[in-house]
N, C-alpha and C. Protein backbone atom coordinates (compact mmCIF):
# COMPACT_ATOMS: atom_id res chain seq x y z
N UNK A 1 39.52 -25.46 28.70
CA UNK A 1 40.64 -25.08 29.54
C UNK A 1 40.66 -25.99 30.76
N UNK A 2 41.78 -26.60 30.99
CA UNK A 2 41.92 -27.47 32.15
C UNK A 2 42.99 -26.91 33.06
N UNK A 3 42.65 -26.75 34.33
CA UNK A 3 43.58 -26.14 35.28
C UNK A 3 43.65 -26.99 36.53
N UNK A 4 44.85 -27.32 36.95
CA UNK A 4 45.04 -28.01 38.23
C UNK A 4 45.61 -27.00 39.22
N UNK A 5 44.96 -26.86 40.33
CA UNK A 5 45.40 -25.91 41.34
C UNK A 5 45.79 -26.69 42.59
N UNK A 6 47.03 -26.48 43.05
CA UNK A 6 47.53 -27.28 44.16
C UNK A 6 47.39 -26.61 45.50
N UNK A 7 47.33 -25.30 45.55
CA UNK A 7 47.19 -24.61 46.83
C UNK A 7 46.59 -23.23 46.61
N UNK A 8 46.29 -22.55 47.70
CA UNK A 8 45.64 -21.25 47.58
C UNK A 8 46.55 -20.22 46.92
N UNK A 9 47.87 -20.37 47.04
CA UNK A 9 48.79 -19.47 46.35
C UNK A 9 48.58 -19.52 44.84
N UNK A 10 48.43 -20.72 44.33
CA UNK A 10 48.19 -20.88 42.89
C UNK A 10 46.82 -20.31 42.52
N UNK A 11 45.84 -20.51 43.38
CA UNK A 11 44.51 -19.96 43.13
C UNK A 11 44.58 -18.44 43.08
N UNK A 12 45.32 -17.84 44.02
CA UNK A 12 45.46 -16.38 44.04
C UNK A 12 46.14 -15.87 42.78
N UNK A 13 47.16 -16.58 42.31
CA UNK A 13 47.84 -16.18 41.07
C UNK A 13 46.89 -16.27 39.88
N UNK A 14 46.14 -17.37 39.83
CA UNK A 14 45.18 -17.55 38.73
C UNK A 14 44.12 -16.46 38.77
N UNK A 15 43.63 -16.13 39.96
CA UNK A 15 42.63 -15.08 40.11
C UNK A 15 43.18 -13.74 39.65
N UNK A 16 44.41 -13.43 40.04
CA UNK A 16 45.04 -12.17 39.64
C UNK A 16 45.14 -12.10 38.11
N UNK A 17 45.61 -13.18 37.49
CA UNK A 17 45.76 -13.19 36.03
C UNK A 17 44.41 -13.06 35.33
N UNK A 18 43.39 -13.73 35.84
CA UNK A 18 42.06 -13.61 35.25
C UNK A 18 41.54 -12.18 35.37
N UNK A 19 41.77 -11.56 36.52
CA UNK A 19 41.32 -10.17 36.71
C UNK A 19 42.06 -9.21 35.79
N UNK A 20 43.35 -9.41 35.60
CA UNK A 20 44.14 -8.57 34.70
C UNK A 20 43.62 -8.70 33.27
N UNK A 21 43.35 -9.92 32.85
CA UNK A 21 42.84 -10.15 31.50
C UNK A 21 41.45 -9.55 31.33
N UNK A 22 40.62 -9.66 32.35
CA UNK A 22 39.27 -9.09 32.29
C UNK A 22 39.35 -7.57 32.17
N UNK A 23 40.26 -6.95 32.92
CA UNK A 23 40.42 -5.49 32.85
C UNK A 23 40.86 -5.08 31.45
N UNK A 24 41.80 -5.80 30.88
CA UNK A 24 42.26 -5.53 29.51
C UNK A 24 41.11 -5.66 28.52
N UNK A 25 40.34 -6.75 28.66
CA UNK A 25 39.26 -7.01 27.72
C UNK A 25 38.19 -5.92 27.77
N UNK A 26 37.93 -5.39 28.96
CA UNK A 26 36.90 -4.35 29.09
C UNK A 26 37.28 -3.08 28.35
N UNK A 27 38.57 -2.83 28.19
CA UNK A 27 39.00 -1.60 27.53
C UNK A 27 39.24 -1.80 26.03
N UNK A 28 39.00 -2.98 25.51
CA UNK A 28 39.16 -3.26 24.09
C UNK A 28 37.88 -3.92 23.58
N UNK A 29 37.13 -3.20 22.79
CA UNK A 29 35.80 -3.66 22.37
C UNK A 29 35.82 -5.01 21.66
N UNK A 30 36.91 -5.33 20.98
CA UNK A 30 36.96 -6.60 20.25
C UNK A 30 37.04 -7.81 21.18
N UNK A 31 37.27 -7.55 22.47
CA UNK A 31 37.36 -8.64 23.45
C UNK A 31 36.24 -8.57 24.48
N UNK A 32 35.11 -7.99 24.14
CA UNK A 32 34.02 -7.75 25.09
C UNK A 32 33.51 -9.02 25.76
N UNK A 33 33.50 -10.13 25.06
CA UNK A 33 32.92 -11.35 25.63
C UNK A 33 33.88 -12.11 26.54
N UNK A 34 35.14 -11.72 26.60
CA UNK A 34 36.11 -12.44 27.42
C UNK A 34 35.78 -12.44 28.91
N UNK A 35 35.38 -11.30 29.53
CA UNK A 35 35.10 -11.35 30.97
C UNK A 35 34.08 -12.41 31.38
N UNK A 36 33.07 -12.65 30.53
CA UNK A 36 32.09 -13.70 30.84
C UNK A 36 32.77 -15.06 30.93
N UNK A 37 33.60 -15.37 29.95
CA UNK A 37 34.29 -16.66 29.95
C UNK A 37 35.28 -16.77 31.11
N UNK A 38 35.94 -15.67 31.44
CA UNK A 38 36.88 -15.69 32.55
C UNK A 38 36.16 -15.92 33.87
N UNK A 39 35.01 -15.30 34.04
CA UNK A 39 34.27 -15.49 35.30
C UNK A 39 33.83 -16.95 35.42
N UNK A 40 33.49 -17.57 34.30
CA UNK A 40 33.11 -18.98 34.32
C UNK A 40 34.29 -19.84 34.78
N UNK A 41 35.47 -19.61 34.20
CA UNK A 41 36.64 -20.40 34.56
C UNK A 41 37.04 -20.16 36.02
N UNK A 42 36.90 -18.93 36.48
CA UNK A 42 37.20 -18.62 37.88
C UNK A 42 36.27 -19.43 38.79
N UNK A 43 35.01 -19.50 38.44
CA UNK A 43 34.05 -20.27 39.25
C UNK A 43 34.40 -21.75 39.25
N UNK A 44 34.83 -22.28 38.12
CA UNK A 44 35.21 -23.69 38.04
C UNK A 44 36.41 -23.97 38.93
N UNK A 45 37.40 -23.08 38.91
CA UNK A 45 38.59 -23.24 39.75
C UNK A 45 38.19 -23.21 41.22
N UNK A 46 37.34 -22.27 41.59
CA UNK A 46 36.91 -22.14 42.99
C UNK A 46 36.18 -23.40 43.45
N UNK A 47 35.31 -23.94 42.60
CA UNK A 47 34.59 -25.17 42.97
C UNK A 47 35.54 -26.35 43.10
N UNK A 48 36.55 -26.41 42.23
CA UNK A 48 37.52 -27.50 42.30
C UNK A 48 38.30 -27.45 43.61
N UNK A 49 38.71 -26.26 44.01
CA UNK A 49 39.44 -26.12 45.27
C UNK A 49 38.55 -26.51 46.45
N UNK A 50 37.31 -26.07 46.44
CA UNK A 50 36.39 -26.42 47.53
C UNK A 50 36.22 -27.94 47.61
N UNK A 51 36.06 -28.58 46.47
CA UNK A 51 35.91 -30.03 46.44
C UNK A 51 37.15 -30.73 46.99
N UNK A 52 38.33 -30.29 46.55
CA UNK A 52 39.57 -30.90 47.02
C UNK A 52 39.77 -30.70 48.51
N UNK A 53 39.45 -29.52 49.00
CA UNK A 53 39.55 -29.26 50.43
C UNK A 53 38.61 -30.17 51.22
N UNK A 54 37.40 -30.37 50.72
CA UNK A 54 36.44 -31.27 51.38
C UNK A 54 36.97 -32.70 51.40
N UNK A 55 37.61 -33.11 50.31
CA UNK A 55 38.17 -34.46 50.26
C UNK A 55 39.28 -34.63 51.29
N UNK A 56 40.11 -33.60 51.46
CA UNK A 56 41.18 -33.67 52.46
C UNK A 56 40.62 -33.74 53.87
N UNK A 57 39.56 -32.99 54.14
CA UNK A 57 38.94 -33.00 55.46
C UNK A 57 38.36 -34.38 55.75
N UNK A 58 37.75 -34.98 54.75
CA UNK A 58 37.14 -36.30 54.94
C UNK A 58 38.20 -37.37 55.21
N UNK A 59 39.39 -37.22 54.64
CA UNK A 59 40.46 -38.20 54.85
C UNK A 59 41.04 -38.10 56.25
N UNK A 60 41.01 -36.91 56.82
CA UNK A 60 41.62 -36.70 58.15
C UNK A 60 40.65 -36.95 59.23
């Protein structure tokens, strides 16, 4: 999964969608492993935003 996040609004939307999917998965046994994968992708998005913010600070 590749995700480009341009601002915190997009990050918030992505976080909301991941949380909604995780909630759905928890109530359906056939999707039990999804929350683990979602938490991984959420962490990747958060690290990407932190990196990009650091790059912007360094340029200014």
